[in-house]
Amino acid sequence: MQYNFDEVVSRRGTYSLKWDGGELIKERGLTTRYDEGTIPLFTADMDLPAPQPLIDALHKVVDHKIFGYSVFPDEYYEAIQKWFKKRHDWDIKKEEIVYSPGTVHALNIAVRVFTNPGDGVIIQRPVYPPFTSVIEGNGRVVVNNSLKRDAEGNYSIDFDDFEAHAKDEMTKLFILCNPHNPIGKIFNKEDLSKLADICAENNVIIIADEIHGDLIRRDQTFMPIAKATCNNDHIITCTAINKTFNVAGLHCTNVIIPNLELRERFSGKMGFQLASPFTIAALIAVYNEGEDWLEQLKIYIDETIEWVVAFLKERMPQVKVRIPEGTYVMWMDFSAYGLSPDEIQDRIYNKANVILENGSMFGEEGLQYQRICLPSPRPIIKEAFERIANEFEDINIDYSIKKGVC
């Protein structure tokens, strides 16, 4: 079937963190303003209709009228195996799959199991803020292998720095984000293989957050790190339907752990976990019947990103952006305006009444950046950018005069 992603479906009054969480947003200090006119684009979930096979599957669960404890049927594991074999040529064994109610929960478990208080965990900032939280919140030490950024906005790995950190006897774990959130980079096979080899040589376990791996641009390919190396015995991979199919509220991450010893240690700490019948039905439905929806979604997001790039070039040329290779987030550099991070935030969050994610939350590398999540109907995205552009118009005029345009 054909999906209409331009349709605006109100999420207010549905317990939505984005649309109903105004008081929480204010408490976090993101804005002093949150009202019925606010456009929230800070959270990585979609304001777009879910696949029809998913909706049909959930209706079937509701119609049964009983919502008790559930088990994972063979069909659940087969759907996972089929999906990753078809889309990534990745052979996953049933016994390697460990259910987790969330990816951040899985990261917490990994940090607690595979490191001790005071041990170092490598991350690559600017990066998803909960990576820092799961490390520091468990009494471990953040080891930052900051990604290098060139004048064109391209990011790359500083391998000399990474290897130096990996060789430190206190470094026990590396949390990889691929595709990377927020920069949108997809690491290629060569980079992934090199990371895997360095970690294997230094007894550093890798836990890879690959939950955006299905959300890539039409001209890009994604390879799981477990496929990029001959030795994946030290690699743990988090996969999920949450981002791909917009079901974050159903709490469904599947952690792939080939190494039996690591799997037993991880599972032991995870404890006995059962998913709801809604979660089980959802995964089976989307992995077996959701591919057509996903392909339509990717085209829609690609077109939205292309619109944003063209809009910024015309209306806000100081904002530096690159089309992300993967994810549905865009990493926007506002530094050319010469404003402080607080001034940038005030113009966007309080005056334009659009809520984004302040780049400083991703590390000091993100100062004067803003992250925006784009999987909303395009009319909402267009309204948000019109508002933002209007609040920076006075600086745009000054910039044009200096450039000799006016």
Protein backbone atom coordinates (compact mmCIF):
# COMPACT_ATOMS: atom_id res chain seq x y z
CA MET A 1 0.00 0.00 0.00
CA GLN A 2 0.97 3.63 -0.43
CA TYR A 3 1.58 5.61 2.77
CA ASN A 4 0.88 9.33 3.15
CA PHE A 5 3.67 10.62 5.35
CA ASP A 6 2.55 14.22 4.83
CA GLU A 7 -0.53 13.52 6.94
CA VAL A 8 -0.30 15.39 10.24
CA VAL A 9 -1.59 13.21 13.09
CA SER A 10 -1.86 15.03 16.41
CA ARG A 11 0.01 13.28 19.20
CA ARG A 12 -1.09 15.62 21.95
CA GLY A 13 -2.96 13.86 24.70
CA THR A 14 -1.40 10.48 23.86
CA TYR A 15 1.26 10.46 26.62
CA SER A 16 3.90 11.49 24.06
CA LEU A 17 7.21 12.59 25.55
CA LYS A 18 7.67 15.07 22.71
CA TRP A 19 4.22 16.57 22.60
CA ASP A 20 2.94 16.14 26.17
CA GLY A 21 6.19 16.42 28.12
CA GLY A 22 6.36 20.19 28.36
CA GLU A 23 7.00 20.34 32.09
CA LEU A 24 9.78 17.77 31.81
CA ILE A 25 11.34 19.76 28.97
CA LYS A 26 11.29 22.91 31.09
CA GLU A 27 12.81 21.06 34.04
CA ARG A 28 15.69 19.97 31.80
CA GLY A 29 16.36 23.66 31.11
CA LEU A 30 15.88 23.38 27.36
CA THR A 31 13.33 26.17 27.19
CA THR A 32 11.29 28.56 29.28
CA ARG A 33 8.48 28.26 26.78
CA TYR A 34 6.39 25.21 25.98
CA ASP A 35 2.80 25.63 24.83
CA GLU A 36 0.31 24.46 22.24
CA GLY A 37 2.34 26.21 19.54
CA THR A 38 5.62 24.46 20.38
CA ILE A 39 7.15 22.25 17.69
CA PRO A 40 9.26 19.57 19.43
CA LEU A 41 11.87 17.95 17.18
CA PHE A 42 14.36 16.81 19.80
CA THR A 43 13.41 13.17 20.39
CA ALA A 44 14.35 10.34 18.05
CA ASP A 45 10.90 9.00 17.39
CA MET A 46 8.63 9.62 14.42
CA ASP A 47 5.44 11.61 14.01
CA LEU A 48 4.58 9.35 11.07
CA PRO A 49 2.03 6.51 10.79
CA ALA A 50 3.32 3.03 11.50
CA PRO A 51 3.22 0.16 8.96
CA GLN A 52 -0.25 -1.26 8.41
CA PRO A 53 0.88 -4.86 9.08
CA LEU A 54 2.05 -3.68 12.51
CA ILE A 55 -1.27 -2.01 13.24
CA ASP A 56 -3.15 -5.11 12.12
CA ALA A 57 -0.98 -7.33 14.34
CA LEU A 58 -1.58 -5.12 17.40
CA HIS A 59 -5.33 -5.08 16.75
CA LYS A 60 -5.25 -8.87 16.75
CA VAL A 61 -3.57 -8.84 20.17
CA VAL A 62 -6.14 -6.37 21.52
CA ASP A 63 -9.05 -8.35 20.10
CA HIS A 64 -7.86 -11.40 22.01
CA LYS A 65 -8.66 -9.45 25.21
CA ILE A 66 -6.04 -11.13 27.42
CA PHE A 67 -2.59 -9.64 27.98
CA GLY A 68 -0.70 -12.06 30.19
CA TYR A 69 2.92 -13.16 30.39
CA SER A 70 4.31 -14.14 27.01
CA VAL A 71 7.06 -16.34 25.62
CA PHE A 72 9.19 -15.82 22.52
CA PRO A 73 8.02 -18.23 19.80
CA ASP A 74 10.31 -19.61 17.13
CA GLU A 75 8.64 -17.20 14.72
CA TYR A 76 10.14 -14.29 16.70
CA TYR A 77 13.71 -15.49 16.25
CA GLU A 78 13.11 -16.56 12.64
CA ALA A 79 11.87 -13.06 11.78
CA ILE A 80 15.08 -11.54 13.16
CA GLN A 81 17.27 -14.03 11.32
CA LYS A 82 15.43 -13.55 8.04
CA TRP A 83 15.60 -9.74 8.23
CA PHE A 84 19.32 -9.48 8.89
CA LYS A 85 20.21 -12.19 6.38
CA LYS A 86 18.23 -10.50 3.61
CA ARG A 87 19.23 -6.91 4.29
CA HIS A 88 22.77 -7.31 5.63
CA ASP A 89 23.79 -10.85 4.64
CA TRP A 90 24.34 -11.50 8.34
CA ASP A 91 23.80 -15.03 9.62
CA ILE A 92 22.59 -14.90 13.21
CA LYS A 93 22.04 -18.03 15.27
CA LYS A 94 18.94 -18.27 17.43
CA GLU A 95 20.96 -18.87 20.59
CA GLU A 96 22.97 -15.67 20.00
CA ILE A 97 19.87 -13.47 20.44
CA VAL A 98 19.21 -11.96 23.87
CA TYR A 99 16.13 -9.81 24.42
CA SER A 100 16.44 -6.47 26.23
CA PRO A 101 13.67 -3.97 26.98
CA GLY A 102 15.85 -1.22 25.54
CA THR A 103 19.24 -0.37 24.09
CA VAL A 104 20.29 1.98 26.90
CA HIS A 105 19.29 -0.76 29.35
CA ALA A 106 21.52 -3.19 27.44
CA LEU A 107 24.42 -0.72 27.56
CA ASN A 108 23.99 -0.38 31.32
CA ILE A 109 24.13 -4.14 31.69
CA ALA A 110 27.24 -4.40 29.51
CA VAL A 111 29.09 -1.71 31.47
CA ARG A 112 28.27 -3.41 34.78
CA VAL A 113 29.19 -6.90 33.58
CA PHE A 114 32.34 -6.30 31.58
CA THR A 115 33.98 -3.52 33.58
CA ASN A 116 34.71 -2.69 37.19
CA PRO A 117 34.36 0.68 38.95
CA GLY A 118 37.18 2.91 37.79
CA ASP A 119 37.68 1.11 34.48
CA GLY A 120 37.71 3.08 31.24
CA VAL A 121 35.08 2.88 28.48
CA ILE A 122 35.81 4.39 25.07
CA ILE A 123 33.21 6.52 23.31
CA GLN A 124 33.53 8.81 20.31
CA ARG A 125 32.17 12.27 20.96
CA PRO A 126 30.15 14.11 19.90
CA VAL A 127 27.88 11.17 20.69
CA TYR A 128 24.46 10.19 22.04
CA PRO A 129 24.35 11.55 25.65
CA PRO A 130 23.23 8.29 27.38
CA PHE A 131 26.59 6.75 26.46
CA THR A 132 28.17 9.12 28.97
CA SER A 133 25.40 8.49 31.49
CA VAL A 134 25.75 4.70 31.50
CA ILE A 135 29.50 5.04 32.05
CA GLU A 136 29.63 7.74 34.70
CA GLY A 137 26.39 6.60 36.34
CA ASN A 138 27.99 3.23 37.02
CA GLY A 139 31.21 4.66 38.42
CA ARG A 140 33.30 4.04 35.31
CA VAL A 141 35.51 6.51 33.43
CA VAL A 142 34.73 8.05 30.05
CA VAL A 143 37.64 7.63 27.62
CA ASN A 144 36.93 10.01 24.77
CA ASN A 145 38.26 9.19 21.31
CA SER A 146 36.98 12.43 19.85
CA LEU A 147 36.08 12.22 16.18
CA LYS A 148 38.15 14.48 13.93
CA ARG A 149 36.27 17.06 11.84
CA ASP A 150 37.75 18.75 8.78
CA ALA A 151 36.91 22.16 7.31
CA GLU A 152 34.20 20.63 5.12
CA GLY A 153 32.43 19.08 8.09
CA ASN A 154 33.57 15.50 7.40
CA TYR A 155 34.28 13.35 10.45
CA SER A 156 36.85 10.59 10.76
CA ILE A 157 38.34 8.37 13.45
CA ASP A 158 41.63 9.28 15.11
CA PHE A 159 43.04 5.75 15.11
CA ASP A 160 46.32 6.67 16.80
CA ASP A 161 44.38 8.10 19.73
CA PHE A 162 41.98 5.15 19.74
CA GLU A 163 44.78 2.60 19.85
CA ALA A 164 46.57 4.47 22.63
CA HIS A 165 43.40 4.35 24.72
CA ALA A 166 42.78 0.68 23.90
CA LYS A 167 46.28 -0.23 25.05
CA ASP A 168 45.67 1.28 28.48
CA GLU A 169 45.18 -1.66 30.84
CA MET A 170 42.28 0.17 32.51
CA THR A 171 40.29 0.33 29.26
CA LYS A 172 37.91 -2.62 29.09
CA LEU A 173 35.03 -1.64 26.80
CA PHE A 174 34.27 0.36 23.66
CA ILE A 175 30.75 1.58 22.85
CA LEU A 176 30.44 2.05 19.10
CA CYS A 177 27.60 4.05 17.55
CA ASN A 178 27.06 3.13 13.89
CA PRO A 179 25.40 4.82 12.08
CA HIS A 180 26.69 7.53 14.35
CA ASN A 181 24.29 9.68 16.33
CA PRO A 182 24.35 12.70 15.91
CA ILE A 183 26.74 13.15 12.99
CA GLY A 184 25.01 10.58 10.76
CA LYS A 185 28.23 8.93 9.59
CA ILE A 186 28.24 5.29 8.50
CA PHE A 187 31.64 3.75 9.22
CA ASN A 188 32.97 1.71 6.31
CA LYS A 189 34.27 -1.85 6.40
CA GLU A 190 37.91 -0.74 6.61
CA ASP A 191 37.29 1.47 9.63
CA LEU A 192 35.16 -1.15 11.37
CA SER A 193 37.69 -3.90 10.74
CA LYS A 194 40.49 -1.73 12.12
CA LEU A 195 38.48 -0.89 15.26
CA ALA A 196 37.65 -4.56 15.77
CA ASP A 197 41.27 -5.64 15.35
CA ILE A 198 42.64 -3.03 17.76
CA CYS A 199 40.08 -4.04 20.39
CA ALA A 200 40.75 -7.76 19.91
CA GLU A 201 44.51 -7.24 20.28
CA ASN A 202 43.99 -5.35 23.54
CA ASN A 203 41.18 -7.44 25.09
CA VAL A 204 38.66 -4.62 24.77
CA ILE A 205 35.07 -5.75 24.34
CA ILE A 206 32.95 -3.90 21.78
CA ILE A 207 29.27 -3.22 22.27
CA ALA A 208 27.88 -1.75 19.08
CA ASP A 209 24.74 0.37 19.01
CA GLU A 210 23.48 -0.27 15.46
CA ILE A 211 19.82 0.56 15.99
CA HIS A 212 19.82 3.13 13.15
CA GLY A 213 21.31 0.60 10.73
CA ASP A 214 18.18 0.31 8.59
CA LEU A 215 17.73 4.08 8.30
CA ILE A 216 20.26 4.96 5.63
CA ARG A 217 20.23 7.14 2.52
CA ARG A 218 19.28 5.64 -0.81
CA ASP A 219 22.88 5.72 -2.10
CA GLN A 220 24.47 4.28 1.05
CA THR A 221 25.16 0.79 2.39
CA PHE A 222 25.49 -0.30 6.00
CA MET A 223 27.60 -3.14 7.35
CA PRO A 224 27.31 -4.48 10.91
CA ILE A 225 30.68 -4.51 12.62
CA ALA A 226 30.23 -8.22 13.30
CA LYS A 227 30.34 -8.70 9.51
CA ALA A 228 33.41 -6.51 9.00
CA THR A 229 35.86 -8.82 10.75
CA CYS A 230 36.71 -12.50 10.78
CA ASN A 231 36.86 -12.44 14.56
CA ASN A 232 33.63 -11.22 16.18
CA ASP A 233 34.15 -13.15 19.39
CA HIS A 234 34.56 -9.91 21.35
CA ILE A 235 31.64 -8.07 19.70
CA ILE A 236 28.16 -7.51 21.11
CA THR A 237 25.61 -5.86 18.83
CA CYS A 238 22.41 -4.05 19.75
CA THR A 239 19.67 -4.21 17.12
CA ALA A 240 16.13 -2.91 17.44
CA ILE A 241 12.83 -2.33 15.68
CA ASN A 242 12.34 0.80 17.79
CA LYS A 243 13.94 3.38 15.50
CA THR A 244 13.33 1.61 12.19
CA PHE A 245 9.59 1.21 12.65
CA ASN A 246 8.79 3.89 15.25
CA VAL A 247 7.84 1.58 18.10
CA ALA A 248 10.07 2.93 20.87
CA GLY A 249 7.15 2.65 23.27
CA LEU A 250 7.08 -1.13 22.81
CA HIS A 251 10.61 -1.60 24.21
CA CYS A 252 12.27 -4.10 21.91
CA THR A 253 16.03 -4.44 21.56
CA ASN A 254 17.71 -7.66 20.54
CA VAL A 255 21.33 -8.07 21.55
CA ILE A 256 23.43 -10.37 19.38
CA ILE A 257 26.27 -12.08 21.30
CA PRO A 258 28.16 -14.85 19.43
CA ASN A 259 30.57 -15.58 22.30
CA LEU A 260 28.97 -18.06 24.70
CA GLU A 261 30.88 -16.88 27.77
CA LEU A 262 30.04 -13.22 27.15
CA ARG A 263 26.43 -14.15 26.42
CA GLU A 264 26.05 -16.10 29.65
CA ARG A 265 27.57 -13.29 31.70
CA PHE A 266 25.40 -10.68 30.00
CA SER A 267 22.22 -12.76 30.26
CA GLY A 268 22.93 -13.55 33.89
CA LYS A 269 23.07 -9.87 34.77
CA MET A 270 20.11 -9.05 32.53
CA GLY A 271 17.98 -11.52 34.45
CA PHE A 272 14.66 -12.99 33.45
CA GLN A 273 13.08 -10.67 30.87
CA LEU A 274 9.73 -11.12 29.15
CA ALA A 275 8.32 -8.91 26.44
CA SER A 276 4.64 -7.99 26.18
CA PRO A 277 2.49 -9.78 23.58
CA PHE A 278 2.32 -6.44 21.76
CA THR A 279 6.11 -6.32 21.44
CA ILE A 280 6.36 -9.88 20.16
CA ALA A 281 3.56 -9.40 17.64
CA ALA A 282 5.08 -6.09 16.51
CA LEU A 283 8.52 -7.51 15.77
CA ILE A 284 7.16 -10.48 13.83
CA ALA A 285 4.90 -8.20 11.79
CA VAL A 286 7.45 -5.54 10.86
CA TYR A 287 10.34 -7.87 10.09
CA ASN A 288 8.12 -10.12 7.97
CA GLU A 289 5.87 -7.53 6.33
CA GLY A 290 7.28 -4.05 6.99
CA GLU A 291 9.89 -3.74 4.26
CA ASP A 292 7.67 -1.91 1.76
CA TRP A 293 6.79 0.70 4.40
CA LEU A 294 10.46 1.15 5.27
CA GLU A 295 11.48 1.75 1.67
CA GLN A 296 8.77 4.40 1.30
CA LEU A 297 9.85 5.97 4.59
CA LYS A 298 13.50 6.18 3.51
CA ILE A 299 12.53 8.00 0.32
CA TYR A 300 10.40 10.43 2.32
CA ILE A 301 13.17 11.16 4.81
CA ASP A 302 15.72 11.56 2.01
CA GLU A 303 13.45 14.13 0.35
CA THR A 304 12.94 15.95 3.66
CA ILE A 305 16.70 16.14 4.20
CA GLU A 306 17.18 17.45 0.66
CA TRP A 307 14.55 20.12 1.32
CA VAL A 308 16.28 21.16 4.56
CA VAL A 309 19.67 21.48 2.85
CA ALA A 310 18.19 23.63 0.08
CA PHE A 311 16.28 25.78 2.58
CA LEU A 312 19.34 26.43 4.71
CA LYS A 313 21.44 27.28 1.67
CA GLU A 314 18.90 29.92 0.66
CA ARG A 315 17.68 31.29 3.99
CA MET A 316 20.42 30.49 6.52
CA PRO A 317 23.68 30.09 4.59
CA GLN A 318 25.75 30.45 7.75
CA VAL A 319 24.44 27.13 9.06
CA LYS A 320 26.81 24.36 8.02
CA VAL A 321 25.26 20.95 7.42
CA ARG A 322 26.07 17.76 5.61
CA ILE A 323 23.56 15.19 4.43
CA PRO A 324 23.82 12.36 6.97
CA GLU A 325 24.71 8.98 5.51
CA GLY A 326 22.42 7.28 8.01
CA THR A 327 19.90 8.03 10.80
CA TYR A 328 17.11 10.61 10.51
CA VAL A 329 18.94 13.26 12.53
CA MET A 330 20.79 16.28 11.18
CA TRP A 331 23.77 17.90 12.89
CA MET A 332 23.71 21.66 12.32
CA ASP A 333 26.67 23.97 12.95
CA PHE A 334 25.59 27.51 13.97
CA SER A 335 29.09 28.73 14.88
CA ALA A 336 29.38 31.12 11.92
CA TYR A 337 26.75 33.38 13.47
CA GLY A 338 29.20 34.43 16.17
CA LEU A 339 26.60 33.87 18.88
CA SER A 340 27.06 32.10 22.17
CA PRO A 341 25.39 28.68 22.59
CA ASP A 342 22.90 30.31 24.98
CA GLU A 343 22.00 32.97 22.41
CA ILE A 344 21.52 30.34 19.71
CA GLN A 345 19.32 28.29 22.00
CA ASP A 346 17.25 31.31 23.04
CA ARG A 347 16.46 32.26 19.44
CA ILE A 348 15.42 28.72 18.51
CA TYR A 349 13.79 27.37 21.66
CA ASN A 350 12.20 30.42 23.25
CA LYS A 351 11.59 32.82 20.36
CA ALA A 352 10.95 30.44 17.45
CA ASN A 353 9.28 27.98 19.86
CA VAL A 354 11.01 24.99 18.29
CA ILE A 355 12.67 22.45 20.58
CA LEU A 356 15.83 20.78 19.26
CA GLU A 357 18.69 19.01 21.06
CA ASN A 358 21.49 21.29 22.19
CA GLY A 359 24.81 20.11 20.78
CA SER A 360 26.61 20.59 24.09
CA MET A 361 24.72 17.54 25.40
CA PHE A 362 26.81 15.41 23.02
CA GLY A 363 30.09 16.66 24.45
CA GLU A 364 32.11 19.86 24.22
CA GLU A 365 32.64 19.02 20.54
CA GLY A 366 29.00 19.95 20.07
CA LEU A 367 29.15 23.53 21.30
CA GLN A 368 27.22 25.83 18.92
CA TYR A 369 25.64 22.80 17.22
CA GLN A 370 22.02 21.71 17.27
CA ARG A 371 20.63 18.25 16.52
CA ILE A 372 17.24 18.01 14.85
CA CYS A 373 15.17 14.85 14.38
CA LEU A 374 13.46 14.98 10.98
CA PRO A 375 10.94 12.09 10.77
CA SER A 376 7.85 14.29 11.02
CA PRO A 377 5.39 15.28 8.30
CA ARG A 378 7.12 17.74 6.00
CA PRO A 379 4.61 20.54 6.70
CA ILE A 380 5.76 20.48 10.34
CA ILE A 381 9.43 20.51 9.36
CA LYS A 382 8.87 23.42 6.97
CA GLU A 383 7.04 25.43 9.63
CA ALA A 384 9.83 24.79 12.13
CA PHE A 385 12.56 25.98 9.77
CA GLU A 386 10.56 29.04 8.71
CA ARG A 387 10.29 30.03 12.37
CA ILE A 388 13.98 29.47 13.01
CA ALA A 389 15.03 31.37 9.88
CA ASN A 390 12.89 34.34 10.88
CA GLU A 391 14.67 34.56 14.24
CA PHE A 392 18.10 34.67 12.55
CA GLU A 393 17.07 36.97 9.71
CA ASP A 394 18.79 40.05 11.13
CA ILE A 395 22.13 38.22 11.18
CA ASN A 396 21.53 36.77 7.72
CA ILE A 397 21.13 40.30 6.36
CA ASP A 398 24.39 41.41 7.99
CA TYR A 399 26.14 38.37 6.59
CA SER A 400 24.84 39.05 3.06
CA ILE A 401 26.02 42.67 3.18
CA LYS A 402 29.50 41.59 4.28
CA LYS A 403 29.60 39.10 1.42
CA GLY A 404 28.60 41.78 -1.04
CA VAL A 405 25.26 40.17 -1.89
CA CYS A 406 23.09 43.21 -1.02
